[in-house]
Amino acid sequence: MRHAILHLKKADPVLAGIIERVGPCRIQYREPAFATLVRSIVYQQLSGRVAMVIFNRLLDLVPERQLTPPAVLELTIEQMRAAGLSGQKTAYIRDLAARTFSGELDFSLLPSMSDDEVIEALTQVKGVGVWTAHMFLIFALQRSDILPVGDLGIRTAMRKAYRMRALPKPERMEKIARAWRPWCSVASWYLWRSLDGEAAL
């Protein structure tokens, strides 16, 4: 991580300022497993606090709070909706469970795949788009060079940090991020944190 920080500070003075304000990098990783992707689906387009409540209710419905494909498929749609999941997210999670249970999606193979192959595999699941795949690559597979160009937080942070009039489009983001490679994931974490509390001043 120290190597990544040194590279980013040297490569981009704007990002160097953000790194100084935010402090040490404390990315928290999760297991590259079925339950992590279910969690990502639950958290889509919700505040963290609301999503956490719903996710915990879902965990309470399965044996020993272990989210597995069979455990999810044994739940009724009504049970999942009662936990607070929308009809769409219920369908997405059930589709993920069915594909994983059948072996169509094998989480044990993902670590050995390229970034593009992981995105292709995950986006076959209903409700899993490129943004969710990017989050899985960064926070579960610990890939170092992911730039989530569709993330509103990243776009907002870049607009603010680089004094843009409007939210940047993917091409502009990629151009700025060239200097960050191969550490775009770490740069992205700092951009997210730059919107928090004292670091946002």
N, C-alpha and C. Protein backbone atom coordinates (compact mmCIF):
# COMPACT_ATOMS: atom_id res chain seq x y z
N MET A 1 0.83 -1.20 0.00
CA MET A 1 0.00 0.00 0.00
C MET A 1 0.87 1.27 0.00
N ARG A 2 1.99 1.19 0.71
CA ARG A 2 2.88 2.36 0.77
C ARG A 2 3.37 2.73 -0.64
N HIS A 3 3.67 1.71 -1.44
CA HIS A 3 4.12 1.94 -2.81
C HIS A 3 3.04 2.65 -3.62
N ALA A 4 1.78 2.22 -3.42
CA ALA A 4 0.66 2.84 -4.14
C ALA A 4 0.51 4.31 -3.76
N ILE A 5 0.58 4.60 -2.48
CA ILE A 5 0.44 5.97 -1.99
C ILE A 5 1.54 6.87 -2.56
N LEU A 6 2.77 6.38 -2.52
CA LEU A 6 3.90 7.16 -3.04
C LEU A 6 3.71 7.45 -4.53
N HIS A 7 3.28 6.44 -5.27
CA HIS A 7 3.05 6.61 -6.71
C HIS A 7 1.98 7.67 -6.96
N LEU A 8 0.84 7.57 -6.26
CA LEU A 8 -0.27 8.50 -6.48
C LEU A 8 0.11 9.94 -6.10
N LYS A 9 0.82 10.10 -5.01
CA LYS A 9 1.23 11.44 -4.57
C LYS A 9 2.17 12.09 -5.59
N LYS A 10 3.06 11.27 -6.13
CA LYS A 10 4.02 11.78 -7.10
C LYS A 10 3.36 12.07 -8.45
N ALA A 11 2.38 11.23 -8.81
CA ALA A 11 1.77 11.30 -10.14
C ALA A 11 0.75 12.43 -10.29
N ASP A 12 0.11 12.83 -9.18
CA ASP A 12 -1.01 13.76 -9.28
C ASP A 12 -1.05 14.69 -8.06
N PRO A 13 -0.68 15.97 -8.22
CA PRO A 13 -0.67 16.91 -7.10
C PRO A 13 -2.05 17.09 -6.44
N VAL A 14 -3.11 17.03 -7.25
CA VAL A 14 -4.46 17.18 -6.69
C VAL A 14 -4.77 16.01 -5.77
N LEU A 15 -4.49 14.81 -6.23
CA LEU A 15 -4.73 13.62 -5.41
C LEU A 15 -3.82 13.62 -4.19
N ALA A 16 -2.61 14.12 -4.36
CA ALA A 16 -1.67 14.20 -3.23
C ALA A 16 -2.27 15.03 -2.10
N GLY A 17 -2.94 16.13 -2.45
CA GLY A 17 -3.59 16.96 -1.44
C GLY A 17 -4.71 16.22 -0.72
N ILE A 18 -5.48 15.43 -1.48
CA ILE A 18 -6.56 14.64 -0.89
C ILE A 18 -5.99 13.59 0.06
N ILE A 19 -4.92 12.93 -0.36
CA ILE A 19 -4.28 11.91 0.47
C ILE A 19 -3.79 12.50 1.79
N GLU A 20 -3.22 13.69 1.71
CA GLU A 20 -2.74 14.36 2.93
C GLU A 20 -3.89 14.66 3.89
N ARG A 21 -5.02 15.09 3.34
CA ARG A 21 -6.18 15.44 4.19
C ARG A 21 -6.84 14.19 4.79
N VAL A 22 -6.97 13.15 3.97
CA VAL A 22 -7.68 11.94 4.41
C VAL A 22 -6.84 11.11 5.38
N GLY A 23 -5.55 10.99 5.10
CA GLY A 23 -4.67 10.20 5.95
C GLY A 23 -4.47 8.79 5.43
N PRO A 24 -4.09 7.85 6.30
CA PRO A 24 -3.77 6.48 5.87
C PRO A 24 -4.92 5.80 5.14
N CYS A 25 -4.58 4.95 4.19
CA CYS A 25 -5.59 4.20 3.44
C CYS A 25 -6.07 3.02 4.28
N ARG A 26 -7.38 2.95 4.47
CA ARG A 26 -7.94 1.87 5.29
C ARG A 26 -9.07 1.16 4.54
N ILE A 27 -8.76 0.68 3.35
CA ILE A 27 -9.77 -0.06 2.59
C ILE A 27 -10.15 -1.32 3.36
N GLN A 28 -11.45 -1.55 3.50
CA GLN A 28 -11.92 -2.76 4.17
C GLN A 28 -12.41 -3.76 3.12
N TYR A 29 -11.82 -4.94 3.13
CA TYR A 29 -12.16 -5.94 2.12
C TYR A 29 -13.14 -6.97 2.66
N ARG A 30 -13.88 -7.60 1.74
CA ARG A 30 -14.82 -8.67 2.08
C ARG A 30 -14.45 -9.93 1.30
N GLU A 31 -15.03 -11.04 1.72
CA GLU A 31 -14.75 -12.30 1.03
C GLU A 31 -15.32 -12.26 -0.39
N PRO A 32 -14.58 -12.78 -1.38
CA PRO A 32 -15.11 -12.82 -2.76
C PRO A 32 -16.09 -13.98 -2.92
N ALA A 33 -17.22 -13.85 -2.25
CA ALA A 33 -18.15 -14.97 -2.15
C ALA A 33 -19.59 -14.53 -2.46
N PHE A 34 -20.46 -15.53 -2.53
CA PHE A 34 -21.88 -15.33 -2.84
C PHE A 34 -22.51 -14.27 -1.94
N ALA A 35 -22.30 -14.38 -0.62
CA ALA A 35 -22.94 -13.48 0.34
C ALA A 35 -22.53 -12.02 0.10
N THR A 36 -21.30 -11.81 -0.34
CA THR A 36 -20.83 -10.45 -0.59
C THR A 36 -21.57 -9.82 -1.76
N LEU A 37 -21.83 -10.60 -2.80
CA LEU A 37 -22.57 -10.06 -3.94
C LEU A 37 -24.04 -9.83 -3.59
N VAL A 38 -24.62 -10.70 -2.76
CA VAL A 38 -25.98 -10.47 -2.27
C VAL A 38 -26.02 -9.14 -1.52
N ARG A 39 -25.03 -8.91 -0.68
CA ARG A 39 -24.95 -7.66 0.08
C ARG A 39 -24.89 -6.45 -0.85
N SER A 40 -24.11 -6.56 -1.92
CA SER A 40 -24.00 -5.46 -2.88
C SER A 40 -25.35 -5.16 -3.53
N ILE A 41 -26.10 -6.20 -3.85
CA ILE A 41 -27.42 -6.01 -4.46
C ILE A 41 -28.35 -5.31 -3.47
N VAL A 42 -28.33 -5.76 -2.21
CA VAL A 42 -29.17 -5.14 -1.18
C VAL A 42 -28.85 -3.65 -1.05
N TYR A 43 -27.57 -3.31 -1.11
CA TYR A 43 -27.12 -1.93 -0.88
C TYR A 43 -27.32 -1.00 -2.07
N GLN A 44 -27.67 -1.55 -3.24
CA GLN A 44 -27.85 -0.70 -4.42
C GLN A 44 -28.90 0.39 -4.18
N GLN A 45 -28.51 1.64 -4.45
CA GLN A 45 -29.43 2.80 -4.42
C GLN A 45 -30.12 3.01 -3.07
N LEU A 46 -29.47 2.57 -1.99
CA LEU A 46 -30.01 2.82 -0.65
C LEU A 46 -28.93 3.46 0.21
N SER A 47 -29.34 4.19 1.23
CA SER A 47 -28.36 4.69 2.19
C SER A 47 -27.79 3.50 2.94
N GLY A 48 -26.54 3.64 3.39
CA GLY A 48 -25.89 2.53 4.09
C GLY A 48 -26.66 2.05 5.29
N ARG A 49 -27.25 2.98 6.03
CA ARG A 49 -27.96 2.62 7.27
C ARG A 49 -29.20 1.78 6.98
N VAL A 50 -29.99 2.21 5.99
CA VAL A 50 -31.20 1.48 5.62
C VAL A 50 -30.84 0.10 5.06
N ALA A 51 -29.83 0.08 4.20
CA ALA A 51 -29.42 -1.19 3.59
C ALA A 51 -28.94 -2.19 4.64
N MET A 52 -28.22 -1.69 5.65
CA MET A 52 -27.70 -2.57 6.69
C MET A 52 -28.84 -3.24 7.46
N VAL A 53 -29.89 -2.48 7.74
CA VAL A 53 -31.05 -3.03 8.45
C VAL A 53 -31.69 -4.15 7.63
N ILE A 54 -31.89 -3.90 6.34
CA ILE A 54 -32.52 -4.90 5.47
C ILE A 54 -31.63 -6.13 5.33
N PHE A 55 -30.34 -5.92 5.17
CA PHE A 55 -29.41 -7.04 5.02
C PHE A 55 -29.40 -7.90 6.28
N ASN A 56 -29.44 -7.27 7.44
CA ASN A 56 -29.47 -8.03 8.71
C ASN A 56 -30.77 -8.81 8.86
N ARG A 57 -31.86 -8.24 8.40
CA ARG A 57 -33.14 -8.97 8.43
C ARG A 57 -33.07 -10.20 7.53
N LEU A 58 -32.42 -10.04 6.37
CA LEU A 58 -32.26 -11.18 5.46
C LEU A 58 -31.41 -12.26 6.11
N LEU A 59 -30.33 -11.86 6.78
CA LEU A 59 -29.47 -12.83 7.47
C LEU A 59 -30.25 -13.57 8.55
N ASP A 60 -31.15 -12.87 9.22
CA ASP A 60 -31.94 -13.49 10.29
C ASP A 60 -32.88 -14.59 9.77
N LEU A 61 -33.16 -14.57 8.48
CA LEU A 61 -34.09 -15.54 7.89
C LEU A 61 -33.43 -16.87 7.55
N VAL A 62 -32.09 -16.89 7.48
CA VAL A 62 -31.41 -18.11 7.03
C VAL A 62 -30.70 -18.79 8.20
N PRO A 63 -30.52 -20.12 8.14
CA PRO A 63 -29.88 -20.86 9.23
C PRO A 63 -28.50 -20.32 9.56
N GLU A 64 -28.27 -20.07 10.85
CA GLU A 64 -26.98 -19.59 11.37
C GLU A 64 -26.50 -18.31 10.67
N ARG A 65 -27.45 -17.57 10.12
CA ARG A 65 -27.14 -16.30 9.43
C ARG A 65 -26.09 -16.49 8.34
N GLN A 66 -26.10 -17.68 7.71
CA GLN A 66 -25.17 -17.98 6.63
C GLN A 66 -25.90 -17.92 5.30
N LEU A 67 -25.59 -16.89 4.50
CA LEU A 67 -26.25 -16.75 3.20
C LEU A 67 -25.59 -17.69 2.20
N THR A 68 -26.32 -18.72 1.82
CA THR A 68 -25.86 -19.66 0.79
C THR A 68 -26.95 -19.74 -0.27
N PRO A 69 -26.62 -20.16 -1.49
CA PRO A 69 -27.66 -20.29 -2.51
C PRO A 69 -28.84 -21.17 -2.09
N PRO A 70 -28.61 -22.38 -1.52
CA PRO A 70 -29.77 -23.19 -1.09
C PRO A 70 -30.62 -22.49 -0.04
N ALA A 71 -29.97 -21.80 0.91
CA ALA A 71 -30.72 -21.12 1.97
C ALA A 71 -31.60 -20.02 1.40
N VAL A 72 -31.09 -19.29 0.42
CA VAL A 72 -31.88 -18.22 -0.21
C VAL A 72 -33.05 -18.83 -1.00
N LEU A 73 -32.77 -19.90 -1.75
CA LEU A 73 -33.82 -20.50 -2.58
C LEU A 73 -34.93 -21.14 -1.75
N GLU A 74 -34.63 -21.47 -0.50
CA GLU A 74 -35.66 -22.04 0.38
C GLU A 74 -36.58 -20.96 0.96
N LEU A 75 -36.15 -19.71 0.89
CA LEU A 75 -37.01 -18.62 1.36
C LEU A 75 -38.14 -18.37 0.36
N THR A 76 -39.27 -17.93 0.85
CA THR A 76 -40.35 -17.54 -0.06
C THR A 76 -40.15 -16.08 -0.47
N ILE A 77 -40.77 -15.73 -1.57
CA ILE A 77 -40.71 -14.33 -2.02
C ILE A 77 -41.30 -13.43 -0.95
N GLU A 78 -42.37 -13.90 -0.31
CA GLU A 78 -43.04 -13.10 0.74
C GLU A 78 -42.10 -12.84 1.91
N GLN A 79 -41.34 -13.85 2.30
CA GLN A 79 -40.37 -13.67 3.41
C GLN A 79 -39.33 -12.62 3.05
N MET A 80 -38.84 -12.68 1.83
CA MET A 80 -37.80 -11.73 1.40
C MET A 80 -38.36 -10.31 1.30
N ARG A 81 -39.59 -10.20 0.82
CA ARG A 81 -40.22 -8.88 0.73
C ARG A 81 -40.48 -8.31 2.13
N ALA A 82 -40.86 -9.18 3.06
CA ALA A 82 -41.14 -8.75 4.43
C ALA A 82 -39.87 -8.25 5.12
N ALA A 83 -38.71 -8.71 4.66
CA ALA A 83 -37.43 -8.23 5.22
C ALA A 83 -37.10 -6.82 4.76
N GLY A 84 -37.86 -6.34 3.75
CA GLY A 84 -37.64 -4.98 3.27
C GLY A 84 -37.09 -4.90 1.86
N LEU A 85 -36.89 -6.06 1.23
CA LEU A 85 -36.38 -6.05 -0.14
C LEU A 85 -37.50 -5.70 -1.12
N SER A 86 -37.15 -4.94 -2.14
CA SER A 86 -38.11 -4.64 -3.19
C SER A 86 -38.36 -5.90 -4.02
N GLY A 87 -39.42 -5.86 -4.82
CA GLY A 87 -39.70 -7.00 -5.69
C GLY A 87 -38.55 -7.26 -6.64
N GLN A 88 -37.97 -6.17 -7.17
CA GLN A 88 -36.85 -6.31 -8.10
C GLN A 88 -35.63 -6.95 -7.44
N LYS A 89 -35.27 -6.45 -6.26
CA LYS A 89 -34.07 -6.98 -5.59
C LYS A 89 -34.29 -8.42 -5.15
N THR A 90 -35.51 -8.75 -4.77
CA THR A 90 -35.82 -10.15 -4.44
C THR A 90 -35.57 -11.03 -5.65
N ALA A 91 -36.03 -10.59 -6.82
CA ALA A 91 -35.84 -11.36 -8.06
C ALA A 91 -34.35 -11.46 -8.41
N TYR A 92 -33.61 -10.36 -8.20
CA TYR A 92 -32.17 -10.36 -8.51
C TYR A 92 -31.41 -11.37 -7.64
N ILE A 93 -31.72 -11.34 -6.33
CA ILE A 93 -31.01 -12.22 -5.39
C ILE A 93 -31.36 -13.68 -5.65
N ARG A 94 -32.60 -13.94 -6.01
CA ARG A 94 -33.00 -15.31 -6.31
C ARG A 94 -32.34 -15.80 -7.61
N ASP A 95 -32.21 -14.90 -8.58
CA ASP A 95 -31.53 -15.25 -9.83
C ASP A 95 -30.06 -15.57 -9.57
N LEU A 96 -29.43 -14.75 -8.73
CA LEU A 96 -28.03 -15.00 -8.35
C LEU A 96 -27.89 -16.35 -7.65
N ALA A 97 -28.81 -16.63 -6.73
CA ALA A 97 -28.77 -17.90 -5.99
C ALA A 97 -28.94 -19.09 -6.94
N ALA A 98 -29.87 -18.97 -7.88
CA ALA A 98 -30.13 -20.06 -8.81
C ALA A 98 -28.92 -20.31 -9.72
N ARG A 99 -28.32 -19.23 -10.22
CA ARG A 99 -27.15 -19.37 -11.11
C ARG A 99 -25.95 -19.94 -10.36
N THR A 100 -25.80 -19.54 -9.09
CA THR A 100 -24.68 -20.04 -8.30
C THR A 100 -24.91 -21.50 -7.92
N PHE A 101 -26.14 -21.84 -7.54
CA PHE A 101 -26.48 -23.21 -7.15
C PHE A 101 -26.29 -24.19 -8.32
N SER A 102 -26.63 -23.74 -9.53
CA SER A 102 -26.51 -24.60 -10.72
C SER A 102 -25.08 -24.74 -11.20
N GLY A 103 -24.19 -23.87 -10.70
CA GLY A 103 -22.80 -23.89 -11.13
C GLY A 103 -22.52 -22.98 -12.31
N GLU A 104 -23.55 -22.31 -12.80
CA GLU A 104 -23.36 -21.39 -13.93
C GLU A 104 -22.41 -20.25 -13.53
N LEU A 105 -22.55 -19.80 -12.28
CA LEU A 105 -21.61 -18.82 -11.73
C LEU A 105 -20.84 -19.49 -10.60
N ASP A 106 -19.53 -19.58 -10.76
CA ASP A 106 -18.69 -20.27 -9.78
C ASP A 106 -17.75 -19.24 -9.14
N PHE A 107 -18.04 -18.87 -7.90
CA PHE A 107 -17.25 -17.84 -7.22
C PHE A 107 -15.79 -18.27 -7.01
N SER A 108 -15.55 -19.57 -6.94
CA SER A 108 -14.17 -20.04 -6.72
C SER A 108 -13.28 -19.78 -7.93
N LEU A 109 -13.88 -19.55 -9.09
CA LEU A 109 -13.10 -19.29 -10.30
C LEU A 109 -12.77 -17.81 -10.49
N LEU A 110 -13.53 -16.93 -9.84
CA LEU A 110 -13.38 -15.50 -10.09
C LEU A 110 -11.98 -14.96 -9.79
N PRO A 111 -11.31 -15.38 -8.70
CA PRO A 111 -9.98 -14.83 -8.43
C PRO A 111 -8.96 -15.06 -9.54
N SER A 112 -9.14 -16.11 -10.33
CA SER A 112 -8.19 -16.41 -11.39
C SER A 112 -8.56 -15.75 -12.72
N MET A 113 -9.69 -15.07 -12.76
CA MET A 113 -10.14 -14.42 -14.00
C MET A 113 -9.58 -13.00 -14.11
N SER A 114 -9.52 -12.50 -15.34
CA SER A 114 -9.15 -11.10 -15.56
C SER A 114 -10.30 -10.20 -15.12
N ASP A 115 -10.02 -8.90 -14.97
CA ASP A 115 -11.07 -7.95 -14.58
C ASP A 115 -12.25 -8.02 -15.55
N ASP A 116 -11.97 -8.01 -16.84
CA ASP A 116 -13.04 -8.03 -17.84
C ASP A 116 -13.84 -9.34 -17.79
N GLU A 117 -13.16 -10.44 -17.53
CA GLU A 117 -13.85 -11.73 -17.43
C GLU A 117 -14.77 -11.76 -16.21
N VAL A 118 -14.33 -11.16 -15.10
CA VAL A 118 -15.17 -11.09 -13.89
C VAL A 118 -16.41 -10.25 -14.18
N ILE A 119 -16.21 -9.11 -14.83
CA ILE A 119 -17.35 -8.24 -15.16
C ILE A 119 -18.34 -8.98 -16.04
N GLU A 120 -17.83 -9.70 -17.04
CA GLU A 120 -18.71 -10.46 -17.94
C GLU A 120 -19.48 -11.54 -17.19
N ALA A 121 -18.81 -12.24 -16.28
CA ALA A 121 -19.46 -13.32 -15.52
C ALA A 121 -20.53 -12.77 -14.58
N LEU A 122 -20.22 -11.70 -13.87
CA LEU A 122 -21.16 -11.18 -12.87
C LEU A 122 -22.35 -10.48 -13.50
N THR A 123 -22.14 -9.81 -14.62
CA THR A 123 -23.25 -9.05 -15.22
C THR A 123 -24.24 -9.94 -15.96
N GLN A 124 -24.00 -11.26 -15.98
CA GLN A 124 -25.01 -12.19 -16.49
C GLN A 124 -26.18 -12.30 -15.51
N VAL A 125 -25.92 -11.96 -14.25
CA VAL A 125 -26.95 -12.05 -13.21
C VAL A 125 -27.87 -10.83 -13.32
N LYS A 126 -29.16 -11.07 -13.21
CA LYS A 126 -30.12 -9.96 -13.24
C LYS A 126 -29.82 -8.98 -12.11
N GLY A 127 -29.80 -7.71 -12.45
CA GLY A 127 -29.60 -6.68 -11.42
C GLY A 127 -28.15 -6.40 -11.09
N VAL A 128 -27.23 -7.15 -11.67
CA VAL A 128 -25.81 -6.90 -11.44
C VAL A 128 -25.25 -6.21 -12.68
N GLY A 129 -24.99 -4.91 -12.55
CA GLY A 129 -24.43 -4.15 -13.65
C GLY A 129 -22.94 -3.95 -13.46
N VAL A 130 -22.38 -3.12 -14.32
CA VAL A 130 -20.94 -2.88 -14.28
C VAL A 130 -20.52 -2.24 -12.96
N TRP A 131 -21.37 -1.33 -12.41
CA TRP A 131 -21.02 -0.68 -11.14
C TRP A 131 -20.85 -1.72 -10.02
N THR A 132 -21.80 -2.64 -9.91
CA THR A 132 -21.73 -3.68 -8.87
C THR A 132 -20.52 -4.57 -9.09
N ALA A 133 -20.23 -4.89 -10.36
CA ALA A 133 -19.06 -5.71 -10.67
C ALA A 133 -17.77 -4.97 -10.28
N HIS A 134 -17.73 -3.66 -10.54
CA HIS A 134 -16.56 -2.86 -10.14
C HIS A 134 -16.36 -2.90 -8.62
N MET A 135 -17.46 -2.78 -7.87
CA MET A 135 -17.36 -2.81 -6.41
C MET A 135 -16.83 -4.17 -5.93
N PHE A 136 -17.29 -5.23 -6.59
CA PHE A 136 -16.83 -6.58 -6.23
C PHE A 136 -15.35 -6.73 -6.53
N LEU A 137 -14.92 -6.19 -7.66
CA LEU A 137 -13.50 -6.26 -8.03
C LEU A 137 -12.63 -5.52 -7.01
N ILE A 138 -13.08 -4.35 -6.57
CA ILE A 138 -12.28 -3.55 -5.64
C ILE A 138 -12.30 -4.15 -4.23
N PHE A 139 -13.51 -4.38 -3.71
CA PHE A 139 -13.64 -4.68 -2.28
C PHE A 139 -13.67 -6.17 -1.93
N ALA A 140 -13.85 -7.03 -2.93
CA ALA A 140 -13.83 -8.48 -2.65
C ALA A 140 -12.61 -9.14 -3.28
N LEU A 141 -12.35 -8.85 -4.55
CA LEU A 141 -11.21 -9.48 -5.22
C LEU A 141 -9.92 -8.68 -5.05
N GLN A 142 -10.02 -7.49 -4.43
CA GLN A 142 -8.85 -6.67 -4.10
C GLN A 142 -8.01 -6.33 -5.34
N ARG A 143 -8.70 -6.05 -6.46
CA ARG A 143 -8.00 -5.63 -7.67
C ARG A 143 -7.55 -4.18 -7.51
N SER A 144 -6.34 -3.90 -7.92
CA SER A 144 -5.72 -2.60 -7.60
C SER A 144 -6.01 -1.48 -8.59
N ASP A 145 -6.52 -1.83 -9.78
CA ASP A 145 -6.56 -0.82 -10.84
C ASP A 145 -7.94 -0.65 -11.45
N ILE A 146 -8.96 -0.52 -10.60
CA ILE A 146 -10.34 -0.37 -11.07
C ILE A 146 -10.78 1.09 -10.91
N LEU A 147 -11.30 1.66 -11.99
CA LEU A 147 -11.86 3.02 -11.95
C LEU A 147 -13.36 2.90 -12.22
N PRO A 148 -14.19 3.04 -11.18
CA PRO A 148 -15.65 2.90 -11.37
C PRO A 148 -16.25 4.19 -11.94
N VAL A 149 -16.20 4.29 -13.27
CA VAL A 149 -16.60 5.53 -13.95
C VAL A 149 -18.10 5.83 -13.80
N GLY A 150 -18.89 4.83 -13.42
CA GLY A 150 -20.32 5.05 -13.25
C GLY A 150 -20.73 5.42 -11.84
N ASP A 151 -19.76 5.56 -10.95
CA ASP A 151 -20.07 5.82 -9.54
C ASP A 151 -20.26 7.32 -9.31
N LEU A 152 -21.42 7.69 -8.75
CA LEU A 152 -21.73 9.10 -8.54
C LEU A 152 -20.76 9.76 -7.56
N GLY A 153 -20.36 9.03 -6.53
CA GLY A 153 -19.42 9.58 -5.54
C GLY A 153 -18.08 9.93 -6.17
N ILE A 154 -17.57 9.04 -7.01
CA ILE A 154 -16.30 9.29 -7.69
C ILE A 154 -16.43 10.50 -8.62
N ARG A 155 -17.52 10.55 -9.36
CA ARG A 155 -17.73 11.66 -10.30
C ARG A 155 -17.85 12.99 -9.55
N THR A 156 -18.57 12.96 -8.42
CA THR A 156 -18.74 14.17 -7.61
C THR A 156 -17.42 14.64 -7.03
N ALA A 157 -16.64 13.68 -6.51
CA ALA A 157 -15.34 14.01 -5.92
C ALA A 157 -14.38 14.57 -6.97
N MET A 158 -14.40 14.01 -8.15
CA MET A 158 -13.52 14.50 -9.22
C MET A 158 -13.93 15.90 -9.67
N ARG A 159 -15.23 16.12 -9.80
CA ARG A 159 -15.70 17.46 -10.19
C ARG A 159 -15.22 18.50 -9.19
N LYS A 160 -15.34 18.16 -7.91
CA LYS A 160 -14.94 19.09 -6.86
C LYS A 160 -13.43 19.28 -6.81
N ALA A 161 -12.69 18.18 -6.82
CA ALA A 161 -11.23 18.25 -6.68
C ALA A 161 -10.55 18.91 -7.87
N TYR A 162 -11.08 18.64 -9.07
CA TYR A 162 -10.44 19.17 -10.29
C TYR A 162 -11.17 20.40 -10.83
N ARG A 163 -12.05 20.96 -10.00
CA ARG A 163 -12.74 22.23 -10.29
C ARG A 163 -13.43 22.22 -11.66
N MET A 164 -14.25 21.22 -11.88
CA MET A 164 -15.01 21.12 -13.13
C MET A 164 -16.38 21.77 -12.96
N ARG A 165 -16.94 22.23 -14.04
CA ARG A 165 -18.28 22.86 -13.97
C ARG A 165 -19.39 21.81 -13.85
N ALA A 166 -19.15 20.65 -14.44
CA ALA A 166 -20.17 19.59 -14.42
C ALA A 166 -19.51 18.26 -14.06
N LEU A 167 -20.34 17.28 -13.75
CA LEU A 167 -19.82 15.94 -13.45
C LEU A 167 -19.09 15.40 -14.68
N PRO A 168 -17.89 14.84 -14.48
CA PRO A 168 -17.12 14.37 -15.63
C PRO A 168 -17.71 13.12 -16.27
N LYS A 169 -17.54 13.04 -17.58
CA LYS A 169 -17.94 11.85 -18.32
C LYS A 169 -16.80 10.83 -18.25
N PRO A 170 -17.09 9.55 -18.55
CA PRO A 170 -16.07 8.50 -18.44
C PRO A 170 -14.76 8.82 -19.16
N GLU A 171 -14.85 9.44 -20.35
CA GLU A 171 -13.61 9.72 -21.11
C GLU A 171 -12.71 10.67 -20.33
N ARG A 172 -13.30 11.70 -19.73
CA ARG A 172 -12.52 12.67 -18.96
C ARG A 172 -11.93 12.01 -17.72
N MET A 173 -12.72 11.15 -17.08
CA MET A 173 -12.25 10.45 -15.89
C MET A 173 -11.06 9.55 -16.23
N GLU A 174 -11.18 8.83 -17.33
CA GLU A 174 -10.09 7.93 -17.75
C GLU A 174 -8.82 8.71 -18.04
N LYS A 175 -8.99 9.90 -18.64
CA LYS A 175 -7.82 10.72 -18.98
C LYS A 175 -7.08 11.17 -17.72
N ILE A 176 -7.83 11.61 -16.71
CA ILE A 176 -7.23 12.03 -15.44
C ILE A 176 -6.56 10.84 -14.75
N ALA A 177 -7.21 9.69 -14.84
CA ALA A 177 -6.76 8.50 -14.11
C ALA A 177 -5.55 7.81 -14.74
N ARG A 178 -5.17 8.22 -15.94
CA ARG A 178 -4.01 7.59 -16.57
C ARG A 178 -2.77 7.65 -15.67
N ALA A 179 -2.61 8.79 -15.01
CA ALA A 179 -1.43 8.97 -14.14
C ALA A 179 -1.50 8.08 -12.89
N TRP A 180 -2.69 7.64 -12.52
CA TRP A 180 -2.85 6.84 -11.31
C TRP A 180 -2.48 5.37 -11.50
N ARG A 181 -2.58 4.89 -12.72
CA ARG A 181 -2.39 3.46 -12.96
C ARG A 181 -1.00 3.01 -12.53
N PRO A 182 -0.88 1.83 -11.91
CA PRO A 182 -1.89 0.77 -11.75
C PRO A 182 -2.61 0.78 -10.40
N TRP A 183 -2.92 1.97 -9.88
CA TRP A 183 -3.51 2.07 -8.53
C TRP A 183 -4.83 2.85 -8.52
N CYS A 184 -5.65 2.66 -9.54
CA CYS A 184 -6.91 3.40 -9.61
C CYS A 184 -7.87 3.06 -8.46
N SER A 185 -7.81 1.84 -7.98
CA SER A 185 -8.70 1.45 -6.87
C SER A 185 -8.38 2.25 -5.61
N VAL A 186 -7.09 2.42 -5.33
CA VAL A 186 -6.67 3.18 -4.15
C VAL A 186 -7.04 4.65 -4.34
N ALA A 187 -6.81 5.19 -5.54
CA ALA A 187 -7.19 6.57 -5.84
C ALA A 187 -8.70 6.76 -5.65
N SER A 188 -9.48 5.78 -6.10
CA SER A 188 -10.94 5.85 -5.97
C SER A 188 -11.35 5.88 -4.50
N TRP A 189 -10.70 5.06 -3.68
CA TRP A 189 -11.01 5.05 -2.24
C TRP A 189 -10.77 6.44 -1.65
N TYR A 190 -9.66 7.06 -2.03
CA TYR A 190 -9.37 8.40 -1.51
C TYR A 190 -10.38 9.43 -2.01
N LEU A 191 -10.84 9.28 -3.24
CA LEU A 191 -11.86 10.21 -3.76
C LEU A 191 -13.16 10.07 -2.97
N TRP A 192 -13.57 8.82 -2.69
CA TRP A 192 -14.78 8.62 -1.86
C TRP A 192 -14.61 9.28 -0.49
N ARG A 193 -13.47 9.03 0.14
CA ARG A 193 -13.21 9.57 1.48
C ARG A 193 -13.11 11.10 1.47
N SER A 194 -12.73 11.67 0.34
CA SER A 194 -12.59 13.14 0.27
C SER A 194 -13.92 13.85 0.43
N LEU A 195 -15.02 13.10 0.28
CA LEU A 195 -16.35 13.68 0.45
C LEU A 195 -16.85 13.58 1.89
N ASP A 196 -16.06 12.92 2.76
CA ASP A 196 -16.45 12.70 4.15
C ASP A 196 -15.91 13.78 5.09
N GLY A 197 -16.73 14.23 5.97
CA GLY A 197 -16.32 15.05 7.12
C GLY A 197 -15.22 16.07 6.89
N GLU A 198 -14.20 16.02 7.73
CA GLU A 198 -13.13 17.02 7.71
C GLU A 198 -12.36 17.00 6.40
N ALA A 199 -12.24 15.84 5.77
CA ALA A 199 -11.48 15.74 4.52
C ALA A 199 -12.15 16.52 3.39
N ALA A 200 -13.45 16.79 3.55
CA ALA A 200 -14.19 17.49 2.50
C ALA A 200 -14.00 19.00 2.59
N LEU A 201 -13.39 19.50 3.65
CA LEU A 201 -13.24 20.95 3.83
C LEU A 201 -12.26 21.53 2.84
